[in-house]
Amino acid sequence: MIHVRLFHNGVCHDAVLKEVWYVPDANADLFSVKAAAQSGYSTTLNEKEIAIRRGDGTITASGKLVNDLYVLLAIRVCIPRHAAEVHLAT
């Protein structure tokens, strides 16, 4: 589990991502739409952009299509105050 801050239109939204995997050789961070949906978020995609909404419909994160991948903008990982359990993929 990891705490993140999502920024959209100048507004900060705190969120918790569960069952996060750390992949040291990955060239980019990946975001699971399925895991977000299981936590009550919905995702809207079109040919140019992505929007992630809380259950109340508020957009908490957005992004754009870059080289055939949706890139989320303005997500920052919060530094944990306590040790966290992580999953390692090899």
Protein backbone atom coordinates (compact mmCIF):
# COMPACT_ATOMS: atom_id res chain seq x y z
CA MET A 1 0.00 0.00 0.00
CA ILE A 2 1.31 3.45 -0.89
CA HIS A 3 -0.03 6.95 -0.38
CA VAL A 4 -0.08 9.25 -3.41
CA ARG A 5 -1.12 12.81 -4.17
CA LEU A 6 -3.03 13.40 -7.36
CA PHE A 7 -3.19 16.91 -8.80
CA HIS A 8 -5.90 18.00 -11.24
CA ASN A 9 -6.66 21.63 -12.16
CA GLY A 10 -4.67 22.90 -9.19
CA VAL A 11 -6.55 20.75 -6.67
CA CYS A 12 -4.74 18.10 -4.62
CA HIS A 13 -6.43 14.74 -3.94
CA ASP A 14 -4.90 12.23 -1.52
CA ALA A 15 -5.34 8.55 -2.36
CA VAL A 16 -4.06 5.14 -1.35
CA LEU A 17 -2.94 2.59 -3.92
CA LYS A 18 -3.23 -0.98 -2.66
CA GLU A 19 -1.22 -4.02 -3.69
CA VAL A 20 1.51 -1.95 -5.34
CA TRP A 21 4.29 -3.83 -7.09
CA TYR A 22 7.87 -2.58 -7.29
CA VAL A 23 9.60 -3.54 -10.55
CA PRO A 24 13.18 -2.23 -10.41
CA ASP A 25 13.95 -2.74 -14.11
CA ALA A 26 10.79 -1.06 -15.40
CA ASN A 27 11.38 2.06 -17.50
CA ALA A 28 8.08 3.61 -16.37
CA ASP A 29 5.58 3.40 -13.53
CA LEU A 30 2.43 1.49 -14.40
CA PHE A 31 -1.08 2.20 -13.11
CA SER A 32 -3.73 -0.51 -12.82
CA VAL A 33 -7.15 0.64 -14.04
CA LYS A 34 -8.64 -2.59 -12.62
CA ALA A 35 -7.18 -1.94 -9.15
CA ALA A 36 -8.51 1.64 -9.25
CA ALA A 37 -11.97 0.34 -10.20
CA GLN A 38 -11.88 -2.13 -7.32
CA SER A 39 -11.20 0.84 -5.00
CA GLY A 40 -14.24 2.77 -6.24
CA TYR A 41 -12.67 4.85 -9.02
CA SER A 42 -13.84 4.98 -12.63
CA THR A 43 -11.76 5.64 -15.72
CA THR A 44 -12.79 7.39 -18.93
CA LEU A 45 -10.61 7.09 -22.02
CA ASN A 46 -10.86 8.62 -25.46
CA GLU A 47 -8.48 8.87 -28.41
CA LYS A 48 -6.43 11.64 -26.76
CA GLU A 49 -6.82 11.58 -22.97
CA ILE A 50 -7.70 9.72 -19.77
CA ALA A 51 -9.62 10.86 -16.67
CA ILE A 52 -9.83 9.05 -13.34
CA ARG A 53 -12.80 9.85 -11.10
CA ARG A 54 -13.72 9.13 -7.50
CA GLY A 55 -17.08 7.54 -6.76
CA ASP A 56 -18.68 11.00 -6.46
CA GLY A 57 -17.60 11.88 -10.03
CA THR A 58 -14.79 14.27 -9.07
CA ILE A 59 -11.83 14.00 -11.45
CA THR A 60 -8.78 13.19 -9.35
CA ALA A 61 -6.23 12.56 -12.10
CA SER A 62 -5.94 13.02 -15.82
CA GLY A 63 -3.49 12.34 -18.57
CA LYS A 64 -2.88 12.21 -22.28
CA LEU A 65 -2.03 9.68 -24.96
CA VAL A 66 1.70 9.65 -25.74
CA ASN A 67 3.18 7.09 -28.15
CA ASP A 68 0.20 4.73 -27.75
CA LEU A 69 0.28 4.82 -23.92
CA TYR A 70 -1.84 6.93 -21.59
CA VAL A 71 0.45 9.02 -19.41
CA LEU A 72 -1.02 10.25 -16.11
CA LEU A 73 0.00 13.77 -15.17
CA ALA A 74 0.87 15.08 -11.73
CA ILE A 75 0.91 12.00 -9.49
CA ARG A 76 3.39 12.13 -6.65
CA VAL A 77 4.25 9.35 -4.23
CA CYS A 78 4.21 10.47 -0.60
CA ILE A 79 7.23 9.45 1.43
CA PRO A 80 6.06 6.82 3.93
CA ARG A 81 6.46 7.50 7.63
CA HIS A 82 6.63 3.78 8.40
CA ALA A 83 8.04 0.75 6.62
CA ALA A 84 5.72 -0.66 4.00
CA GLU A 85 5.13 -4.15 2.66
CA VAL A 86 6.06 -4.36 -1.01
CA HIS A 87 5.75 -7.02 -3.71
CA LEU A 88 8.79 -7.68 -5.87
CA ALA A 89 8.61 -8.92 -9.44
CA THR A 90 11.63 -10.53 -11.05
